[in-house]
C-alpha atoms as a PDB file:
ATOM      1  CA  MET A   1      86.520  93.861  80.876  1.00  0.00           C
ATOM      2  CA  ASN A   2      84.453  97.474  80.152  1.00  0.00           C
ATOM      3  CA  THR A   3      86.640 100.481  80.156  1.00  0.00           C
ATOM      4  CA  PRO A   4      85.953 103.403  80.736  1.00  0.00           C
ATOM      5  CA  LEU A   5      87.056 106.911  79.492  1.00  0.00           C
ATOM      6  CA  ALA A   6      89.943 108.404  80.359  1.00  0.00           C
ATOM      7  CA  PRO A   7      89.162 111.972  81.370  1.00  0.00           C
ATOM      8  CA  ASP A   8      91.333 114.882  80.048  1.00  0.00           C
ATOM      9  CA  HIS A   9      94.372 114.953  81.279  1.00  0.00           C
ATOM     10  CA  MET A  10      96.091 116.917  79.240  1.00  0.00           C
ATOM     11  CA  ASP A  11      97.229 119.533  80.801  1.00  0.00           C
ATOM     12  CA  ALA A  12      98.951 116.786  84.467  1.00  0.00           C
ATOM     13  CA  PRO A  13     102.164 117.765  85.263  1.00  0.00           C
ATOM     14  CA  LEU A  14     105.124 115.901  84.663  1.00  0.00           C
ATOM     15  CA  VAL A  15     105.978 115.122  88.067  1.00  0.00           C
ATOM     16  CA  PRO A  16     103.001 114.101  90.286  1.00  0.00           C
ATOM     17  CA  ASP A  17     102.567 116.943  92.993  1.00  0.00           C
ATOM     18  CA  HIS A  18     102.826 114.073  95.801  1.00  0.00           C
ATOM     19  CA  MET A  19     106.358 113.609  94.299  1.00  0.00           C
ATOM     20  CA  ASP A  20     107.237 117.374  94.723  1.00  0.00           C
ATOM     21  CA  ALA A  21     105.758 117.665  98.281  1.00  0.00           C
ATOM     22  CA  PRO A  22     109.026 117.421 101.068  1.00  0.00           C
ATOM     23  CA  LEU A  23     108.649 113.701 102.308  1.00  0.00           C
ATOM     24  CA  VAL A  24     107.366 112.990 106.013  1.00  0.00           C
ATOM     25  CA  PRO A  25     109.393 112.875 109.343  1.00  0.00           C
ATOM     26  CA  ASP A  26     110.096 109.030 109.381  1.00  0.00           C
ATOM     27  CA  HIS A  27     108.512 106.147 108.286  1.00  0.00           C
ATOM     28  CA  MET A  28     105.649 106.506 111.429  1.00  0.00           C
ATOM     29  CA  ASP A  29     104.660 108.384 108.686  1.00  0.00           C
ATOM     30  CA  ALA A  30     104.358 106.494 105.990  1.00  0.00           C
ATOM     31  CA  PRO A  31     100.735 105.299 104.498  1.00  0.00           C
ATOM     32  CA  LEU A  32      99.877 101.950 104.190  1.00  0.00           C
ATOM     33  CA  VAL A  33      98.122 100.368 101.776  1.00  0.00           C
ATOM     34  CA  LEU A  34      96.374  97.024 101.400  1.00  0.00           C
ATOM     35  CA  THR A  35      96.785  95.040  98.266  1.00  0.00           C
ATOM     36  CA  ALA A  36      92.721  93.634  97.161  1.00  0.00           C
ATOM     37  CA  SER A  37      94.383  90.612  95.980  1.00  0.00           C
ATOM     38  CA  ALA A  38      95.288  89.499  99.715  1.00  0.00           C
ATOM     39  CA  LEU A  39      92.125  89.491 100.358  1.00  0.00           C
ATOM     40  CA  GLU A  40      90.900  87.649  96.863  1.00  0.00           C
ATOM     41  CA  ASN A  41      89.598  90.731  95.070  1.00  0.00           C
ATOM     42  CA  PRO A  42      86.224  90.455  96.949  1.00  0.00           C
ATOM     43  CA  SER A  43      83.653  93.576  95.452  1.00  0.00           C
ATOM     44  CA  ILE A  44      85.321  97.117  96.275  1.00  0.00           C
ATOM     45  CA  GLU A  45      82.873  97.332  98.861  1.00  0.00           C
ATOM     46  CA  ILE A  46      83.971  94.681 101.254  1.00  0.00           C
ATOM     47  CA  VAL A  47      87.524  95.632 100.311  1.00  0.00           C
ATOM     48  CA  VAL A  48      87.007  99.613 101.284  1.00  0.00           C
ATOM     49  CA  ASP A  49      85.017  97.768 104.558  1.00  0.00           C
ATOM     50  CA  ALA A  50      87.994  95.812 105.298  1.00  0.00           C
ATOM     51  CA  ALA A  51      90.418  98.104 104.930  1.00  0.00           C
ATOM     52  CA  ARG A  52      88.624 100.875 106.950  1.00  0.00           C
ATOM     53  CA  ARG A  53      88.394  98.781 109.872  1.00  0.00           C
ATOM     54  CA  ALA A  54      91.812  98.010 109.591  1.00  0.00           C
ATOM     55  CA  GLY A  55      93.136 101.670 109.394  1.00  0.00           C
ATOM     56  CA  PHE A  56      94.712 101.362 106.362  1.00  0.00           C
ATOM     57  CA  ASP A  57      95.224 104.898 104.393  1.00  0.00           C
ATOM     58  CA  ALA A  58      95.138 103.612 100.571  1.00  0.00           C
ATOM     59  CA  LEU A  59      94.258 100.633  98.102  1.00  0.00           C
ATOM     60  CA  SER A  60      96.926  98.571  95.869  1.00  0.00           C
ATOM     61  CA  LEU A  61      93.994  97.295  92.720  1.00  0.00           C
ATOM     62  CA  TRP A  62      94.089  94.622  90.280  1.00  0.00           C
ATOM     63  CA  PRO A  63      92.689  95.294  87.044  1.00  0.00           C
ATOM     64  CA  GLY A  64      91.668  92.463  86.079  1.00  0.00           C
ATOM     65  CA  ALA A  65      89.331  91.642  88.479  1.00  0.00           C
ATOM     66  CA  GLY A  66      87.424  94.887  87.291  1.00  0.00           C
ATOM     67  CA  TYR A  67      88.180  97.491  89.636  1.00  0.00           C
ATOM     68  CA  GLY A  68      87.940 100.816  87.844  1.00  0.00           C
ATOM     69  CA  ALA A  69      85.119  99.688  85.815  1.00  0.00           C
ATOM     70  CA  THR A  70      82.354 101.834  87.211  1.00  0.00           C
ATOM     71  CA  ALA A  71      82.798 105.430  88.176  1.00  0.00           C
ATOM     72  CA  ASP A  72      81.259 104.875  91.325  1.00  0.00           C
ATOM     73  CA  HIS A  73      83.879 102.477  92.636  1.00  0.00           C
ATOM     74  CA  ARG A  74      86.509 105.724  93.747  1.00  0.00           C
ATOM     75  CA  ARG A  75      83.183 107.031  94.748  1.00  0.00           C
ATOM     76  CA  VAL A  76      82.927 104.416  96.987  1.00  0.00           C
ATOM     77  CA  ILE A  77      86.846 104.939  98.136  1.00  0.00           C
ATOM     78  CA  GLU A  78      87.211 107.988  98.497  1.00  0.00           C
ATOM     79  CA  ASP A  79      83.376 108.408 101.010  1.00  0.00           C
ATOM     80  CA  ALA A  80      85.599 105.775 103.837  1.00  0.00           C
ATOM     81  CA  GLY A  81      88.396 108.427 103.471  1.00  0.00           C
ATOM     82  CA  LEU A  82      90.477 106.690 100.782  1.00  0.00           C
ATOM     83  CA  TYR A  83      92.535 106.980  98.401  1.00  0.00           C
ATOM     84  CA  VAL A  84      93.517 104.720  95.295  1.00  0.00           C
ATOM     85  CA  TRP A  85      97.822 104.344  96.080  1.00  0.00           C
ATOM     86  CA  ASP A  86      98.640 102.013  92.105  1.00  0.00           C
ATOM     87  CA  VAL A  87      96.859 100.418  89.734  1.00  0.00           C
ATOM     88  CA  ASP A  88      98.842  96.460  89.667  1.00  0.00           C
ATOM     89  CA  ALA A  89     100.454  96.241  87.035  1.00  0.00           C
ATOM     90  CA  ALA A  90     101.285  97.114  83.642  1.00  0.00           C
ATOM     91  CA  ILE A  91     103.222  94.253  82.583  1.00  0.00           C
ATOM     92  CA  VAL A  92     105.884  95.658  79.338  1.00  0.00           C
ATOM     93  CA  TRP A  93     107.198  92.969  76.910  1.00  0.00           C
ATOM     94  CA  VAL A  94     110.827  93.852  76.118  1.00  0.00           C
ATOM     95  CA  GLY A  95     112.740  92.103  73.462  1.00  0.00           C
ATOM     96  CA  PRO A  96     112.236  90.279  70.381  1.00  0.00           C
ATOM     97  CA  ASP A  97     109.545  87.948  69.588  1.00  0.00           C
ATOM     98  CA  ASP A  98     106.529  90.027  71.520  1.00  0.00           C
ATOM     99  CA  PRO A  99     104.313  87.241  71.624  1.00  0.00           C
ATOM    100  CA  GLY A 100     101.317  90.029  72.845  1.00  0.00           C
ATOM    101  CA  SER A 101      99.143  90.921  75.353  1.00  0.00           C
ATOM    102  CA  PRO A 102      97.902  89.664  78.218  1.00  0.00           C
ATOM    103  CA  TYR A 103     101.071  88.005  78.931  1.00  0.00           C
ATOM    104  CA  PHE A 104      99.524  86.883  82.828  1.00  0.00           C
ATOM    105  CA  GLU A 105      96.412  87.160  83.741  1.00  0.00           C
ATOM    106  CA  GLU A 106      96.855  90.548  83.652  1.00  0.00           C
ATOM    107  CA  ALA A 107      94.953  93.362  82.149  1.00  0.00           C
ATOM    108  CA  PRO A 108      95.898  94.729  78.622  1.00  0.00           C
ATOM    109  CA  ILE A 109      98.243  96.856  79.754  1.00  0.00           C
ATOM    110  CA  ASP A 110      95.803 100.249  78.066  1.00  0.00           C
ATOM    111  CA  ASP A 111      93.473  98.803  80.308  1.00  0.00           C
ATOM    112  CA  VAL A 112      95.614  99.170  83.155  1.00  0.00           C
ATOM    113  CA  PHE A 113      95.892 102.731  82.665  1.00  0.00           C
ATOM    114  CA  ALA A 114      92.503 103.150  81.991  1.00  0.00           C
ATOM    115  CA  SER A 115      91.756 101.821  85.123  1.00  0.00           C
ATOM    116  CA  ALA A 116      94.231 104.116  87.446  1.00  0.00           C
ATOM    117  CA  ALA A 117      92.820 107.322  85.278  1.00  0.00           C
ATOM    118  CA  ALA A 118      88.760 105.895  86.746  1.00  0.00           C
ATOM    119  CA  LEU A 119      90.849 105.555  89.611  1.00  0.00           C
ATOM    120  CA  GLY A 120      92.403 108.672  90.529  1.00  0.00           C
ATOM    121  CA  ALA A 121      95.429 106.257  91.506  1.00  0.00           C
ATOM    122  CA  ARG A 122      98.939 107.804  92.675  1.00  0.00           C
ATOM    123  CA  ALA A 123     101.342 105.579  91.057  1.00  0.00           C
ATOM    124  CA  VAL A 124     100.799 102.133  88.139  1.00  0.00           C
ATOM    125  CA  ASN A 125     103.066  99.225  88.357  1.00  0.00           C
ATOM    126  CA  ALA A 126     104.843  97.955  85.741  1.00  0.00           C
ATOM    127  CA  LEU A 127     106.976  94.483  84.830  1.00  0.00           C
ATOM    128  CA  MET A 128     109.513  93.960  82.130  1.00  0.00           C
ATOM    129  CA  ILE A 129     109.026  91.024  80.606  1.00  0.00           C
ATOM    130  CA  GLY A 130     111.002  88.904  78.224  1.00  0.00           C
ATOM    131  CA  PRO A 131     112.751  86.083  76.267  1.00  0.00           C
ATOM    132  CA  ARG A 132     115.027  84.950  78.942  1.00  0.00           C
ATOM    133  CA  GLY A 133     118.541  85.665  77.860  1.00  0.00           C
ATOM    134  CA  GLN A 134     117.611  88.683  75.025  1.00  0.00           C
ATOM    135  CA  THR A 135     116.631  91.349  77.479  1.00  0.00           C
ATOM    136  CA  SER A 136     118.915  94.274  78.071  1.00  0.00           C
ATOM    137  CA  LEU A 137     119.289  96.392  81.010  1.00  0.00           C
ATOM    138  CA  GLU A 138     119.112  99.197  78.200  1.00  0.00           C
ATOM    139  CA  ALA A 139     116.591  97.745  76.372  1.00  0.00           C
ATOM    140  CA  CYS A 140     114.015  98.290  79.981  1.00  0.00           C
ATOM    141  CA  ALA A 141     115.384 101.289  80.290  1.00  0.00           C
ATOM    142  CA  ARG A 142     114.371 102.409  76.966  1.00  0.00           C
ATOM    143  CA  ALA A 143     110.859 100.746  77.595  1.00  0.00           C
ATOM    144  CA  VAL A 144     110.389 102.174  80.942  1.00  0.00           C
ATOM    145  CA  GLN A 145     110.638 105.390  80.212  1.00  0.00           C
ATOM    146  CA  ILE A 146     107.133 105.244  77.508  1.00  0.00           C
ATOM    147  CA  VAL A 147     104.977 103.796  80.078  1.00  0.00           C
ATOM    148  CA  ALA A 148     106.628 106.677  82.208  1.00  0.00           C
ATOM    149  CA  ALA A 149     105.688 108.886  80.040  1.00  0.00           C
ATOM    150  CA  ARG A 150     102.459 107.363  79.398  1.00  0.00           C
ATOM    151  CA  ALA A 151     102.328 108.110  82.902  1.00  0.00           C
ATOM    152  CA  ALA A 152     103.181 111.590  83.441  1.00  0.00           C
ATOM    153  CA  ASP A 153     100.460 111.850  81.476  1.00  0.00           C
ATOM    154  CA  LEU A 154      97.286 111.085  84.068  1.00  0.00           C
ATOM    155  CA  GLY A 155     100.099 113.054  86.224  1.00  0.00           C
ATOM    156  CA  MET A 156     100.952 109.582  87.800  1.00  0.00           C
ATOM    157  CA  LEU A 157     103.976 108.349  89.522  1.00  0.00           C
ATOM    158  CA  LEU A 158     105.446 104.696  87.256  1.00  0.00           C
ATOM    159  CA  THR A 159     106.960 102.092  89.695  1.00  0.00           C
ATOM    160  CA  VAL A 160     109.292  98.983  88.277  1.00  0.00           C
ATOM    161  CA  GLU A 161     109.232  95.776  90.041  1.00  0.00           C
ATOM    162  CA  PHE A 162     111.996  93.593  90.343  1.00  0.00           C
ATOM    163  CA  ALA A 163     111.846  89.884  90.848  1.00  0.00           C
ATOM    164  CA  ARG A 164     114.617  87.055  89.046  1.00  0.00           C
ATOM    165  CA  SER A 165     111.447  85.806  86.942  1.00  0.00           C
ATOM    166  CA  THR A 166     111.237  89.311  85.098  1.00  0.00           C
ATOM    167  CA  ALA A 167     113.764  90.767  82.797  1.00  0.00           C
ATOM    168  CA  VAL A 168     114.357  93.289  85.916  1.00  0.00           C
ATOM    169  CA  ALA A 169     116.252  91.075  88.137  1.00  0.00           C
ATOM    170  CA  ASP A 170     117.344  92.268  92.249  1.00  0.00           C
ATOM    171  CA  LEU A 171     117.926  95.972  93.337  1.00  0.00           C
ATOM    172  CA  HIS A 172     121.598  96.399  92.164  1.00  0.00           C
ATOM    173  CA  GLN A 173     118.852  95.761  88.372  1.00  0.00           C
ATOM    174  CA  ALA A 174     116.527  98.035  88.615  1.00  0.00           C
ATOM    175  CA  ASN A 175     118.672 100.576  90.581  1.00  0.00           C
ATOM    176  CA  ALA A 176     120.792 100.888  86.780  1.00  0.00           C
ATOM    177  CA  VAL A 177     117.630 100.617  84.692  1.00  0.00           C
ATOM    178  CA  LEU A 178     115.909 103.935  86.431  1.00  0.00           C
ATOM    179  CA  ALA A 179     120.086 105.765  86.223  1.00  0.00           C
ATOM    180  CA  ASP A 180     119.219 105.383  82.691  1.00  0.00           C
ATOM    181  CA  THR A 181     115.321 106.164  81.929  1.00  0.00           C
ATOM    182  CA  GLY A 182     116.307 109.742  83.500  1.00  0.00           C
ATOM    183  CA  ALA A 183     112.448 109.465  83.705  1.00  0.00           C
ATOM    184  CA  PRO A 184     111.527 112.509  86.799  1.00  0.00           C
ATOM    185  CA  ASN A 185     108.702 110.205  87.636  1.00  0.00           C
ATOM    186  CA  ALA A 186     109.562 106.865  87.468  1.00  0.00           C
ATOM    187  CA  GLY A 187     111.210 104.857  90.537  1.00  0.00           C
ATOM    188  CA  ILE A 188     111.837 101.503  92.326  1.00  0.00           C
ATOM    189  CA  LEU A 189     108.522  99.304  93.724  1.00  0.00           C
ATOM    190  CA  LEU A 190     110.850  97.172  96.175  1.00  0.00           C
ATOM    191  CA  ASP A 191     108.723  93.570  96.688  1.00  0.00           C
ATOM    192  CA  THR A 192     110.355  92.062  99.865  1.00  0.00           C
ATOM    193  CA  TRP A 193     109.105  88.691  98.872  1.00  0.00           C
ATOM    194  CA  HIS A 194     111.878  88.738  96.467  1.00  0.00           C
ATOM    195  CA  HIS A 195     114.081  91.306  97.460  1.00  0.00           C
ATOM    196  CA  HIS A 196     115.193  88.630 100.485  1.00  0.00           C
ATOM    197  CA  TRP A 197     115.082  85.712  97.836  1.00  0.00           C
ATOM    198  CA  SER A 198     117.519  87.784  95.361  1.00  0.00           C
ATOM    199  CA  ASN A 199     119.856  88.493  98.299  1.00  0.00           C
ATOM    200  CA  VAL A 200     121.227  91.208  97.306  1.00  0.00           C
ATOM    201  CA  ARG A 201     122.232  93.244 100.574  1.00  0.00           C
ATOM    202  CA  ASP A 202     124.433  94.803  98.866  1.00  0.00           C
ATOM    203  CA  ALA A 203     122.426  97.494  96.541  1.00  0.00           C
ATOM    204  CA  PRO A 204     121.071 101.580  97.785  1.00  0.00           C
ATOM    205  CA  PHE A 205     117.051 102.122  98.160  1.00  0.00           C
ATOM    206  CA  GLU A 206     117.583 105.802  97.221  1.00  0.00           C
ATOM    207  CA  ARG A 207     114.625 104.848  94.137  1.00  0.00           C
ATOM    208  CA  VAL A 208     112.409 103.143  96.058  1.00  0.00           C
ATOM    209  CA  ARG A 209     109.626 104.845  95.460  1.00  0.00           C
ATOM    210  CA  ALA A 210     107.014 102.155  97.104  1.00  0.00           C
ATOM    211  CA  ILE A 211     107.820  98.810  99.639  1.00  0.00           C
ATOM    212  CA  GLN A 212     105.005  95.949  99.034  1.00  0.00           C
ATOM    213  CA  LEU A 213     105.361  93.481 102.468  1.00  0.00           C
ATOM    214  CA  SER A 214     105.673  90.014 103.408  1.00  0.00           C
ATOM    215  CA  ASP A 215     106.921  87.486 105.047  1.00  0.00           C
ATOM    216  CA  ALA A 216     108.749  84.920 104.191  1.00  0.00           C
ATOM    217  CA  PRO A 217     109.694  81.481 105.665  1.00  0.00           C
ATOM    218  CA  HIS A 218     113.708  80.815 106.687  1.00  0.00           C
ATOM    219  CA  GLU A 219     114.171  78.138 103.947  1.00  0.00           C
ATOM    220  CA  ARG A 220     113.218  78.770 100.567  1.00  0.00           C
ATOM    221  CA  PRO A 221     110.396  77.179  99.224  1.00  0.00           C
ATOM    222  CA  VAL A 222     110.839  74.030  97.856  1.00  0.00           C
ATOM    223  CA  ASP A 223     107.984  74.999  95.109  1.00  0.00           C
ATOM    224  CA  PHE A 224     108.682  78.369  94.718  1.00  0.00           C
ATOM    225  CA  PRO A 225     106.178  79.801  92.808  1.00  0.00           C
ATOM    226  CA  GLN A 226     103.048  78.136  94.552  1.00  0.00           C
ATOM    227  CA  ALA A 227     104.932  79.310  97.944  1.00  0.00           C
ATOM    228  CA  THR A 228     104.939  82.847  96.207  1.00  0.00           C
ATOM    229  CA  ARG A 229     101.370  82.896  95.320  1.00  0.00           C
ATOM    230  CA  HIS A 230      99.281  81.218  97.980  1.00  0.00           C
ATOM    231  CA  ARG A 231     102.095  81.763 100.893  1.00  0.00           C
ATOM    232  CA  ARG A 232     103.471  84.275 101.944  1.00  0.00           C
ATOM    233  CA  GLU A 233     103.865  84.888 105.793  1.00  0.00           C
ATOM    234  CA  VAL A 234     102.461  88.266 107.576  1.00  0.00           C
ATOM    235  CA  PRO A 235     105.410  89.828 107.563  1.00  0.00           C
ATOM    236  CA  GLY A 236     106.659  90.647 110.810  1.00  0.00           C
ATOM    237  CA  THR A 237     106.563  86.857 111.694  1.00  0.00           C
ATOM    238  CA  GLY A 238     109.523  85.214 109.344  1.00  0.00           C
ATOM    239  CA  ALA A 239     112.891  85.730 108.128  1.00  0.00           C
ATOM    240  CA  VAL A 240     112.832  89.297 106.236  1.00  0.00           C
ATOM    241  CA  ASP A 241     114.820  92.350 108.519  1.00  0.00           C
ATOM    242  CA  PHE A 242     112.862  95.401 107.483  1.00  0.00           C
ATOM    243  CA  ALA A 243     114.692  97.934 108.648  1.00  0.00           C
ATOM    244  CA  PRO A 244     117.352  98.476 106.080  1.00  0.00           C
ATOM    245  CA  ILE A 245     114.567  98.514 103.664  1.00  0.00           C
ATOM    246  CA  LEU A 246     112.434 101.520 105.741  1.00  0.00           C
ATOM    247  CA  SER A 247     115.849 102.978 106.844  1.00  0.00           C
ATOM    248  CA  GLY A 248     117.736 103.024 103.434  1.00  0.00           C
ATOM    249  CA  ALA A 249     114.275 104.319 101.737  1.00  0.00           C
ATOM    250  CA  PRO A 250     112.949 107.162 101.241  1.00  0.00           C
ATOM    251  CA  ALA A 251     111.184 108.381 104.719  1.00  0.00           C
ATOM    252  CA  GLY A 252     106.660 108.132 103.851  1.00  0.00           C
ATOM    253  CA  THR A 253     107.428 105.689 101.254  1.00  0.00           C
ATOM    254  CA  PRO A 254     104.625 103.652 100.500  1.00  0.00           C
ATOM    255  CA  LEU A 255     103.999 100.450 102.287  1.00  0.00           C
ATOM    256  CA  ILE A 256     102.044  98.153 100.364  1.00  0.00           C
ATOM    257  CA  VAL A 257     100.757  95.023 102.512  1.00  0.00           C
ATOM    258  CA  GLU A 258     100.808  92.256 100.049  1.00  0.00           C
ATOM    259  CA  VAL A 259     100.033  89.034 101.527  1.00  0.00           C
ATOM    260  CA  PHE A 260      99.027  86.052  99.560  1.00  0.00           C
ATOM    261  CA  ASN A 261      97.977  83.471 101.747  1.00  0.00           C
ATOM    262  CA  GLY A 262      94.856  81.774 101.301  1.00  0.00           C
ATOM    263  CA  PRO A 263      95.243  79.244 104.089  1.00  0.00           C
ATOM    264  CA  LEU A 264      95.513  82.534 106.625  1.00  0.00           C
ATOM    265  CA  LEU A 265      92.214  84.536 104.761  1.00  0.00           C
ATOM    266  CA  ALA A 266      89.775  81.153 105.212  1.00  0.00           C
ATOM    267  CA  ARG A 267      90.935  81.145 109.183  1.00  0.00           C
ATOM    268  CA  HIS A 268      90.318  85.288 109.427  1.00  0.00           C
ATOM    269  CA  GLY A 269      88.140  85.492 106.638  1.00  0.00           C
ATOM    270  CA  ILE A 270      87.961  88.911 105.034  1.00  0.00           C
ATOM    271  CA  THR A 271      87.862  91.662 107.768  1.00  0.00           C
ATOM    272  CA  GLY A 272      89.761  89.889 109.977  1.00  0.00           C
ATOM    273  CA  PHE A 273      92.686  88.656 107.919  1.00  0.00           C
ATOM    274  CA  ALA A 274      92.735  93.016 107.242  1.00  0.00           C
ATOM    275  CA  GLN A 275      93.041  93.350 110.915  1.00  0.00           C
ATOM    276  CA  VAL A 276      95.559  90.630 110.469  1.00  0.00           C
ATOM    277  CA  LEU A 277      97.712  92.061 107.885  1.00  0.00           C
ATOM    278  CA  GLY A 278      97.544  96.260 109.349  1.00  0.00           C
ATOM    279  CA  ASP A 279      98.045  95.381 112.597  1.00  0.00           C
ATOM    280  CA  ALA A 280     101.307  93.248 110.886  1.00  0.00           C
ATOM    281  CA  ALA A 281     102.144  96.501 108.932  1.00  0.00           C
ATOM    282  CA  ARG A 282     102.051  98.880 111.118  1.00  0.00           C
ATOM    283  CA  HIS A 283     104.207  96.265 113.727  1.00  0.00           C
ATOM    284  CA  VAL A 284     106.776  96.599 110.732  1.00  0.00           C
ATOM    285  CA  ARG A 285     106.958  99.625 110.286  1.00  0.00           C
ATOM    286  CA  ASN A 286     107.151 101.134 113.779  1.00  0.00           C
ATOM    287  CA  ARG A 287     110.392  98.787 114.803  1.00  0.00           C
ATOM    288  CA  PRO A 288     112.796 100.616 112.917  1.00  0.00           C
ATOM    289  CA  ILE A 289     111.742 103.728 114.829  1.00  0.00           C
ATOM    290  CA  GLU A 290     110.948 102.117 118.481  1.00  0.00           C
ATOM    291  CA  SER A 291     115.121 100.310 117.255  1.00  0.00           C
ATOM    292  CA  ALA A 292     116.436 103.352 116.558  1.00  0.00           C
END
């Protein structure tokens, strides 16, 4: 990927401006963010058009698909009245025997941060990975400190996503890591799919700074990795209990709709699926208020 040079950011504040702003009154004002990967990463013009028509406020973009490779991408997004909430994801190796980047399909971390700068993203999402059984939460906290400082240099938030397949497995561990970092611009990204299957129900949500919305079936899929990548369900149609998450997280926490489901995308088309996701996200967002 051809990555642009990052703009001059030496005077950027340690904590992004939007972190200092008062939290909005309730979750009905939480911004709705569309993950371009749910649409299988079409051109930025197609993503923006679908998001705008479906009533989204912002985008979550995957640098590996080339988003942010040219200055035109940010212009197209902002001309439509949208912004980039985050780029997803920076993969950070923790522990010994680092095989070197890239680790998965994600872009190298330098490209991720260059994309974030070019797009004017408000956050960078990160996952900690390492050799199974050889990564401590203390080591994860040190790694988060380093990456959070890099995000702070750009005036951005760093979110840390947990999943059983990573070095930070669940919300308890994510809270411990974030408490240990002390980084004022770092918080947790809670993916409702991974949180649901973690079976953790007693961890606090105060450190959550973004929520990825998708639903899950009532029974754990036999091929869990395949379901994670291709068979997530539309929010509000499955077994996930969203109310405790939305009511426990800080008011105004962005809701990032991340539903990977090829058959549904094929059935509805890009614009139609974005509309389905937008309608579902609004229903889930407003439900805790309606039932309060």
